[in-house]
């Protein structure tokens, strides 16, 4: 049992197959087709057993891990995805300039904090989320609030020039400093505020936005809390909300 899920040898083999195909954690999660927290726990167990190592944020098989894959005939996971959209069905052609600049800006962002459940997605994933909101009419000339922003959605949204207003609420002071300083240097209108979402939102944010985005912790309680706070920030029925699960 791992993270309240029952797992078997096949689950571990899926993760090993994914590690052979990619060294990035999010890509390993995607390729293994297992829940994020299960993949994290399996990689921790593999690391404790000397089967993988962590090198500069990458997940790499050790010689012992390579030998295990050979013994169990675990081959690299093959990817058969659309080369343009990565299988997401979302085109980033309209956001190529914003994505290129976003990649430059995020290169120096703070390291993720495990105790705050931070694990950064790729810049392309962040911009794809922005594209989905834009595609549905929930970004251009809209007031956007982001609750928890380790993926720097606020900066990405502002770089498109589409939202009327962008507000980022985040508990991590290092992230808030980075977002605020980067926005100032780039001339981006991004408002930031330190906020513990266990507390109600300040009055000035209640019912003040057209669209919200939040990416809650991987627990039911975290989902309920983050979405409840986000719902309190939008104006009316017909407003839009986006959240990760």
C-alpha atoms as a PDB file:
ATOM      1  CA  UNK A   1       0.000   0.000   0.000  1.00  0.00           C
ATOM      2  CA  UNK A   2       1.411   3.384  -1.096  1.00  0.00           C
ATOM      3  CA  UNK A   3      -0.277   6.713  -0.284  1.00  0.00           C
ATOM      4  CA  UNK A   4      -3.609   4.950   0.440  1.00  0.00           C
ATOM      5  CA  UNK A   5      -3.421   3.122  -2.919  1.00  0.00           C
ATOM      6  CA  UNK A   6      -2.876  -0.595  -3.314  1.00  0.00           C
ATOM      7  CA  UNK A   7       0.036  -1.078  -5.709  1.00  0.00           C
ATOM      8  CA  UNK A   8       1.672  -4.157  -7.177  1.00  0.00           C
ATOM      9  CA  UNK A   9       4.767  -5.166  -9.079  1.00  0.00           C
ATOM     10  CA  UNK A  10       3.179  -3.966 -12.337  1.00  0.00           C
ATOM     11  CA  UNK A  11       2.859  -0.440 -10.937  1.00  0.00           C
ATOM     12  CA  UNK A  12       6.553  -0.410 -10.042  1.00  0.00           C
ATOM     13  CA  UNK A  13       7.403  -1.737 -13.510  1.00  0.00           C
ATOM     14  CA  UNK A  14       5.365   1.075 -15.091  1.00  0.00           C
ATOM     15  CA  UNK A  15       7.417   3.627 -13.176  1.00  0.00           C
ATOM     16  CA  UNK A  16      10.679   1.906 -14.114  1.00  0.00           C
ATOM     17  CA  UNK A  17       9.626   1.867 -17.766  1.00  0.00           C
ATOM     18  CA  UNK A  18       8.855   5.580 -17.573  1.00  0.00           C
ATOM     19  CA  UNK A  19      12.207   6.360 -15.928  1.00  0.00           C
ATOM     20  CA  UNK A  20      13.955   4.603 -18.809  1.00  0.00           C
ATOM     21  CA  UNK A  21      12.158   6.948 -21.225  1.00  0.00           C
ATOM     22  CA  UNK A  22      12.487  10.224 -19.297  1.00  0.00           C
ATOM     23  CA  UNK A  23      14.366  11.664 -16.309  1.00  0.00           C
ATOM     24  CA  UNK A  24      11.797  14.390 -15.547  1.00  0.00           C
ATOM     25  CA  UNK A  25       9.377  13.676 -12.693  1.00  0.00           C
ATOM     26  CA  UNK A  26       6.242  15.041 -14.385  1.00  0.00           C
ATOM     27  CA  UNK A  27       6.979  13.176 -17.589  1.00  0.00           C
ATOM     28  CA  UNK A  28       7.546  10.020 -15.532  1.00  0.00           C
ATOM     29  CA  UNK A  29       4.144  10.528 -13.909  1.00  0.00           C
ATOM     30  CA  UNK A  30       2.527  10.984 -17.319  1.00  0.00           C
ATOM     31  CA  UNK A  31       4.268   8.017 -18.919  1.00  0.00           C
ATOM     32  CA  UNK A  32       3.625   5.663 -15.999  1.00  0.00           C
ATOM     33  CA  UNK A  33      -0.078   6.591 -15.934  1.00  0.00           C
ATOM     34  CA  UNK A  34      -0.127   6.344 -12.159  1.00  0.00           C
ATOM     35  CA  UNK A  35      -1.286   8.996  -9.628  1.00  0.00           C
ATOM     36  CA  UNK A  36       1.333  11.628  -8.826  1.00  0.00           C
ATOM     37  CA  UNK A  37       1.671  10.802  -5.130  1.00  0.00           C
ATOM     38  CA  UNK A  38       1.957   7.083  -5.906  1.00  0.00           C
ATOM     39  CA  UNK A  39       4.792   7.738  -8.369  1.00  0.00           C
ATOM     40  CA  UNK A  40       6.565   9.929  -5.815  1.00  0.00           C
ATOM     41  CA  UNK A  41       6.342   7.227  -3.142  1.00  0.00           C
ATOM     42  CA  UNK A  42       7.512   4.511  -5.548  1.00  0.00           C
ATOM     43  CA  UNK A  43      10.519   6.614  -6.582  1.00  0.00           C
ATOM     44  CA  UNK A  44      11.373   7.146  -2.920  1.00  0.00           C
ATOM     45  CA  UNK A  45      11.281   3.388  -2.340  1.00  0.00           C
ATOM     46  CA  UNK A  46      13.386   2.765  -5.450  1.00  0.00           C
ATOM     47  CA  UNK A  47      15.881   5.347  -4.238  1.00  0.00           C
ATOM     48  CA  UNK A  48      16.036   3.766  -0.782  1.00  0.00           C
ATOM     49  CA  UNK A  49      16.727   0.435  -2.476  1.00  0.00           C
ATOM     50  CA  UNK A  50      19.590   1.854  -4.501  1.00  0.00           C
ATOM     51  CA  UNK A  51      17.775   1.363  -7.796  1.00  0.00           C
ATOM     52  CA  UNK A  52      17.576   5.030  -8.821  1.00  0.00           C
ATOM     53  CA  UNK A  53      19.435   8.217  -7.987  1.00  0.00           C
ATOM     54  CA  UNK A  54      18.479  11.893  -8.108  1.00  0.00           C
ATOM     55  CA  UNK A  55      20.920  13.992 -10.131  1.00  0.00           C
ATOM     56  CA  UNK A  56      20.302  17.743 -10.515  1.00  0.00           C
ATOM     57  CA  UNK A  57      16.555  17.250 -10.218  1.00  0.00           C
ATOM     58  CA  UNK A  58      16.552  14.310 -12.650  1.00  0.00           C
ATOM     59  CA  UNK A  59      15.621  10.699 -11.897  1.00  0.00           C
ATOM     60  CA  UNK A  60      18.262   8.252 -13.146  1.00  0.00           C
ATOM     61  CA  UNK A  61      18.514   4.461 -12.953  1.00  0.00           C
ATOM     62  CA  UNK A  62      21.565   3.145 -11.105  1.00  0.00           C
ATOM     63  CA  UNK A  63      23.442   0.097 -12.429  1.00  0.00           C
ATOM     64  CA  UNK A  64      21.403  -2.019 -10.014  1.00  0.00           C
ATOM     65  CA  UNK A  65      18.216  -0.507 -11.388  1.00  0.00           C
ATOM     66  CA  UNK A  66      19.304  -1.174 -14.951  1.00  0.00           C
ATOM     67  CA  UNK A  67      20.050  -4.781 -14.057  1.00  0.00           C
ATOM     68  CA  UNK A  68      16.617  -5.168 -12.442  1.00  0.00           C
ATOM     69  CA  UNK A  69      14.958  -3.853 -15.610  1.00  0.00           C
ATOM     70  CA  UNK A  70      16.872  -6.377 -17.689  1.00  0.00           C
ATOM     71  CA  UNK A  71      15.955  -9.247 -15.359  1.00  0.00           C
ATOM     72  CA  UNK A  72      12.252  -8.355 -15.362  1.00  0.00           C
ATOM     73  CA  UNK A  73      12.257  -7.415 -19.051  1.00  0.00           C
ATOM     74  CA  UNK A  74      11.053  -3.888 -18.364  1.00  0.00           C
ATOM     75  CA  UNK A  75      11.552  -1.845 -21.540  1.00  0.00           C
ATOM     76  CA  UNK A  76      11.358   1.950 -21.965  1.00  0.00           C
ATOM     77  CA  UNK A  77       7.860   3.338 -22.322  1.00  0.00           C
ATOM     78  CA  UNK A  78       7.200   4.395 -25.900  1.00  0.00           C
ATOM     79  CA  UNK A  79       5.383   7.670 -26.625  1.00  0.00           C
ATOM     80  CA  UNK A  80       2.887   7.884 -29.480  1.00  0.00           C
ATOM     81  CA  UNK A  81       1.678  11.454 -29.126  1.00  0.00           C
ATOM     82  CA  UNK A  82       0.994  14.309 -31.477  1.00  0.00           C
ATOM     83  CA  UNK A  83       4.413  15.975 -31.922  1.00  0.00           C
ATOM     84  CA  UNK A  84       2.820  19.441 -32.056  1.00  0.00           C
ATOM     85  CA  UNK A  85       0.646  19.436 -28.938  1.00  0.00           C
ATOM     86  CA  UNK A  86       2.181  16.561 -26.961  1.00  0.00           C
ATOM     87  CA  UNK A  87      -1.177  14.808 -26.920  1.00  0.00           C
ATOM     88  CA  UNK A  88      -2.941  17.614 -25.054  1.00  0.00           C
ATOM     89  CA  UNK A  89      -4.966  18.836 -28.014  1.00  0.00           C
ATOM     90  CA  UNK A  90      -3.921  22.424 -27.166  1.00  0.00           C
ATOM     91  CA  UNK A  91      -2.024  24.579 -29.664  1.00  0.00           C
ATOM     92  CA  UNK A  92       0.481  27.118 -28.342  1.00  0.00           C
ATOM     93  CA  UNK A  93       1.126  28.781 -31.702  1.00  0.00           C
ATOM     94  CA  UNK A  94      -0.557  32.033 -30.614  1.00  0.00           C
ATOM     95  CA  UNK A  95       1.578  32.113 -27.466  1.00  0.00           C
ATOM     96  CA  UNK A  96       5.014  31.292 -28.904  1.00  0.00           C
ATOM     97  CA  UNK A  97       6.551  34.653 -27.943  1.00  0.00           C
ATOM     98  CA  UNK A  98       5.044  34.595 -24.458  1.00  0.00           C
ATOM     99  CA  UNK A  99       6.247  31.012 -23.939  1.00  0.00           C
ATOM    100  CA  UNK A 100       9.778  31.835 -25.084  1.00  0.00           C
ATOM    101  CA  UNK A 101      10.024  34.750 -22.653  1.00  0.00           C
ATOM    102  CA  UNK A 102       8.373  32.724 -19.879  1.00  0.00           C
ATOM    103  CA  UNK A 103      11.036  30.018 -20.223  1.00  0.00           C
ATOM    104  CA  UNK A 104      13.728  32.657 -19.724  1.00  0.00           C
ATOM    105  CA  UNK A 105      12.011  34.133 -16.666  1.00  0.00           C
ATOM    106  CA  UNK A 106      11.425  30.835 -14.833  1.00  0.00           C
ATOM    107  CA  UNK A 107      15.030  29.696 -15.165  1.00  0.00           C
ATOM    108  CA  UNK A 108      15.932  31.397 -11.875  1.00  0.00           C
ATOM    109  CA  UNK A 109      12.826  30.700  -9.842  1.00  0.00           C
ATOM    110  CA  UNK A 110      13.131  29.340  -6.289  1.00  0.00           C
ATOM    111  CA  UNK A 111      13.568  25.609  -5.778  1.00  0.00           C
ATOM    112  CA  UNK A 112      10.319  23.731  -4.993  1.00  0.00           C
ATOM    113  CA  UNK A 113       9.496  23.156  -1.323  1.00  0.00           C
ATOM    114  CA  UNK A 114       8.359  19.600  -0.659  1.00  0.00           C
ATOM    115  CA  UNK A 115       6.726  20.591   2.637  1.00  0.00           C
ATOM    116  CA  UNK A 116       4.402  22.899   0.681  1.00  0.00           C
ATOM    117  CA  UNK A 117       3.580  20.174  -1.870  1.00  0.00           C
ATOM    118  CA  UNK A 118       5.362  22.054  -4.641  1.00  0.00           C
ATOM    119  CA  UNK A 119       6.376  20.279  -7.848  1.00  0.00           C
ATOM    120  CA  UNK A 120       6.758  22.482 -10.906  1.00  0.00           C
ATOM    121  CA  UNK A 121       5.135  21.555 -14.213  1.00  0.00           C
ATOM    122  CA  UNK A 122       6.881  22.356 -17.482  1.00  0.00           C
ATOM    123  CA  UNK A 123       6.605  25.862 -19.002  1.00  0.00           C
ATOM    124  CA  UNK A 124       4.652  24.318 -21.886  1.00  0.00           C
ATOM    125  CA  UNK A 125       2.104  22.877 -19.446  1.00  0.00           C
ATOM    126  CA  UNK A 126       1.718  26.230 -17.700  1.00  0.00           C
ATOM    127  CA  UNK A 127       1.157  28.005 -21.019  1.00  0.00           C
ATOM    128  CA  UNK A 128      -1.235  25.264 -22.170  1.00  0.00           C
ATOM    129  CA  UNK A 129      -3.399  26.010 -19.140  1.00  0.00           C
ATOM    130  CA  UNK A 130      -3.389  29.675 -20.133  1.00  0.00           C
ATOM    131  CA  UNK A 131      -4.350  28.701 -23.691  1.00  0.00           C
ATOM    132  CA  UNK A 132      -7.299  26.637 -22.448  1.00  0.00           C
ATOM    133  CA  UNK A 133      -8.625  29.597 -20.444  1.00  0.00           C
ATOM    134  CA  UNK A 134      -8.164  31.911 -23.430  1.00  0.00           C
ATOM    135  CA  UNK A 135      -9.865  29.411 -25.740  1.00  0.00           C
ATOM    136  CA  UNK A 136     -12.969  29.484 -23.543  1.00  0.00           C
ATOM    137  CA  UNK A 137     -13.148  33.267 -23.321  1.00  0.00           C
ATOM    138  CA  UNK A 138     -12.085  33.388 -19.690  1.00  0.00           C
ATOM    139  CA  UNK A 139      -8.835  35.348 -20.029  1.00  0.00           C
ATOM    140  CA  UNK A 140      -9.029  38.284 -22.450  1.00  0.00           C
ATOM    141  CA  UNK A 141     -10.237  41.427 -20.632  1.00  0.00           C
ATOM    142  CA  UNK A 142     -11.026  39.367 -17.568  1.00  0.00           C
ATOM    143  CA  UNK A 143      -9.934  39.731 -13.944  1.00  0.00           C
ATOM    144  CA  UNK A 144      -7.969  36.603 -12.975  1.00  0.00           C
ATOM    145  CA  UNK A 145      -7.081  35.370  -9.486  1.00  0.00           C
ATOM    146  CA  UNK A 146      -4.636  32.526  -8.861  1.00  0.00           C
ATOM    147  CA  UNK A 147      -4.635  30.743  -5.514  1.00  0.00           C
ATOM    148  CA  UNK A 148      -1.257  29.076  -5.007  1.00  0.00           C
ATOM    149  CA  UNK A 149       1.178  29.706  -7.830  1.00  0.00           C
ATOM    150  CA  UNK A 150       4.276  27.506  -7.757  1.00  0.00           C
ATOM    151  CA  UNK A 151       3.815  27.043 -11.530  1.00  0.00           C
ATOM    152  CA  UNK A 152       3.934  30.836 -12.070  1.00  0.00           C
ATOM    153  CA  UNK A 153       0.600  31.021 -13.860  1.00  0.00           C
ATOM    154  CA  UNK A 154       0.328  34.700 -12.987  1.00  0.00           C
ATOM    155  CA  UNK A 155       3.451  35.640 -14.895  1.00  0.00           C
ATOM    156  CA  UNK A 156       2.472  33.429 -17.831  1.00  0.00           C
ATOM    157  CA  UNK A 157      -0.996  34.982 -18.038  1.00  0.00           C
ATOM    158  CA  UNK A 158       0.373  38.515 -17.833  1.00  0.00           C
ATOM    159  CA  UNK A 159       2.929  37.830 -20.570  1.00  0.00           C
ATOM    160  CA  UNK A 160       0.083  37.154 -23.031  1.00  0.00           C
ATOM    161  CA  UNK A 161      -1.252  40.668 -22.481  1.00  0.00           C
ATOM    162  CA  UNK A 162      -4.807  39.298 -22.356  1.00  0.00           C
ATOM    163  CA  UNK A 163      -6.090  39.657 -18.765  1.00  0.00           C
ATOM    164  CA  UNK A 164      -7.294  42.993 -17.447  1.00  0.00           C
ATOM    165  CA  UNK A 165      -6.043  42.151 -13.948  1.00  0.00           C
ATOM    166  CA  UNK A 166      -3.942  39.348 -12.453  1.00  0.00           C
ATOM    167  CA  UNK A 167      -3.760  38.681  -8.702  1.00  0.00           C
ATOM    168  CA  UNK A 168      -1.617  35.928  -7.170  1.00  0.00           C
ATOM    169  CA  UNK A 169      -2.206  34.644  -3.637  1.00  0.00           C
ATOM    170  CA  UNK A 170       0.558  32.379  -2.340  1.00  0.00           C
ATOM    171  CA  UNK A 171       1.817  31.172   1.044  1.00  0.00           C
ATOM    172  CA  UNK A 172       5.481  30.863   0.017  1.00  0.00           C
ATOM    173  CA  UNK A 173       7.207  34.208   0.627  1.00  0.00           C
ATOM    174  CA  UNK A 174      10.108  33.269  -1.661  1.00  0.00           C
ATOM    175  CA  UNK A 175       7.729  32.695  -4.552  1.00  0.00           C
ATOM    176  CA  UNK A 176       5.855  35.915  -3.834  1.00  0.00           C
ATOM    177  CA  UNK A 177       9.137  37.853  -3.860  1.00  0.00           C
ATOM    178  CA  UNK A 178      10.187  36.217  -7.129  1.00  0.00           C
ATOM    179  CA  UNK A 179       6.856  36.838  -8.853  1.00  0.00           C
ATOM    180  CA  UNK A 180       6.657  40.419  -7.623  1.00  0.00           C
ATOM    181  CA  UNK A 181      10.229  41.297  -8.561  1.00  0.00           C
ATOM    182  CA  UNK A 182      10.004  39.614 -11.965  1.00  0.00           C
ATOM    183  CA  UNK A 183       6.711  41.354 -12.754  1.00  0.00           C
ATOM    184  CA  UNK A 184       8.226  44.713 -11.798  1.00  0.00           C
ATOM    185  CA  UNK A 185      11.304  44.166 -13.975  1.00  0.00           C
ATOM    186  CA  UNK A 186       9.183  43.041 -16.939  1.00  0.00           C
ATOM    187  CA  UNK A 187       6.567  45.748 -16.526  1.00  0.00           C
ATOM    188  CA  UNK A 188       3.810  43.194 -15.943  1.00  0.00           C
ATOM    189  CA  UNK A 189       0.712  44.120 -13.979  1.00  0.00           C
ATOM    190  CA  UNK A 190       0.681  41.256 -11.487  1.00  0.00           C
ATOM    191  CA  UNK A 191      -0.500  41.902  -7.937  1.00  0.00           C
ATOM    192  CA  UNK A 192       0.828  39.562  -5.241  1.00  0.00           C
ATOM    193  CA  UNK A 193      -0.096  38.845  -1.654  1.00  0.00           C
ATOM    194  CA  UNK A 194       0.959  36.263   0.934  1.00  0.00           C
ATOM    195  CA  UNK A 195      -2.106  34.223   1.850  1.00  0.00           C
ATOM    196  CA  UNK A 196      -2.687  31.084   3.909  1.00  0.00           C
ATOM    197  CA  UNK A 197      -5.762  29.520   2.332  1.00  0.00           C
ATOM    198  CA  UNK A 198      -6.748  27.976   5.636  1.00  0.00           C
ATOM    199  CA  UNK A 199      -7.911  31.513   6.428  1.00  0.00           C
ATOM    200  CA  UNK A 200     -10.783  33.244   4.589  1.00  0.00           C
ATOM    201  CA  UNK A 201      -9.767  35.574   1.776  1.00  0.00           C
ATOM    202  CA  UNK A 202      -9.502  39.286   2.586  1.00  0.00           C
ATOM    203  CA  UNK A 203     -12.714  41.192   1.912  1.00  0.00           C
ATOM    204  CA  UNK A 204     -11.219  43.077  -1.053  1.00  0.00           C
ATOM    205  CA  UNK A 205     -10.892  39.820  -2.988  1.00  0.00           C
ATOM    206  CA  UNK A 206     -14.404  38.498  -2.394  1.00  0.00           C
ATOM    207  CA  UNK A 207     -16.596  38.481  -5.496  1.00  0.00           C
ATOM    208  CA  UNK A 208     -14.018  40.567  -7.380  1.00  0.00           C
ATOM    209  CA  UNK A 209     -12.902  38.288 -10.239  1.00  0.00           C
ATOM    210  CA  UNK A 210     -14.195  36.728 -13.438  1.00  0.00           C
ATOM    211  CA  UNK A 211     -11.890  33.697 -13.465  1.00  0.00           C
ATOM    212  CA  UNK A 212      -9.900  31.680 -10.949  1.00  0.00           C
ATOM    213  CA  UNK A 213      -7.156  29.109 -11.234  1.00  0.00           C
ATOM    214  CA  UNK A 214      -5.888  26.888  -8.426  1.00  0.00           C
ATOM    215  CA  UNK A 215      -3.870  23.673  -8.212  1.00  0.00           C
ATOM    216  CA  UNK A 216      -4.702  22.104  -4.832  1.00  0.00           C
ATOM    217  CA  UNK A 217      -2.657  19.597  -2.823  1.00  0.00           C
ATOM    218  CA  UNK A 218      -3.360  15.975  -3.769  1.00  0.00           C
ATOM    219  CA  UNK A 219      -5.887  15.360  -1.008  1.00  0.00           C
ATOM    220  CA  UNK A 220      -9.677  15.621  -0.886  1.00  0.00           C
ATOM    221  CA  UNK A 221      -9.435  18.150   1.945  1.00  0.00           C
ATOM    222  CA  UNK A 222      -6.973  20.250  -0.019  1.00  0.00           C
ATOM    223  CA  UNK A 223      -9.220  20.198  -3.084  1.00  0.00           C
ATOM    224  CA  UNK A 224     -12.295  21.238  -1.093  1.00  0.00           C
ATOM    225  CA  UNK A 225     -10.439  24.020   0.712  1.00  0.00           C
ATOM    226  CA  UNK A 226      -8.710  25.563  -2.318  1.00  0.00           C
ATOM    227  CA  UNK A 227     -11.799  25.448  -4.527  1.00  0.00           C
ATOM    228  CA  UNK A 228     -14.024  26.857  -1.776  1.00  0.00           C
ATOM    229  CA  UNK A 229     -11.687  29.827  -1.325  1.00  0.00           C
ATOM    230  CA  UNK A 230     -11.516  30.279  -5.097  1.00  0.00           C
ATOM    231  CA  UNK A 231     -15.300  30.235  -5.454  1.00  0.00           C
ATOM    232  CA  UNK A 232     -15.573  33.003  -2.878  1.00  0.00           C
ATOM    233  CA  UNK A 233     -13.433  35.215  -5.126  1.00  0.00           C
ATOM    234  CA  UNK A 234     -15.537  35.093  -8.325  1.00  0.00           C
ATOM    235  CA  UNK A 235     -18.333  37.508  -9.101  1.00  0.00           C
ATOM    236  CA  UNK A 236     -21.389  35.475  -9.993  1.00  0.00           C
ATOM    237  CA  UNK A 237     -22.801  32.350 -11.594  1.00  0.00           C
ATOM    238  CA  UNK A 238     -21.326  32.241 -15.069  1.00  0.00           C
ATOM    239  CA  UNK A 239     -17.853  33.092 -13.805  1.00  0.00           C
ATOM    240  CA  UNK A 240     -15.183  30.496 -14.593  1.00  0.00           C
ATOM    241  CA  UNK A 241     -12.905  28.350 -12.498  1.00  0.00           C
ATOM    242  CA  UNK A 242     -10.033  26.029 -13.393  1.00  0.00           C
ATOM    243  CA  UNK A 243      -8.328  23.611 -11.017  1.00  0.00           C
ATOM    244  CA  UNK A 244      -5.974  20.678 -11.187  1.00  0.00           C
ATOM    245  CA  UNK A 245      -6.708  17.204  -9.814  1.00  0.00           C
END
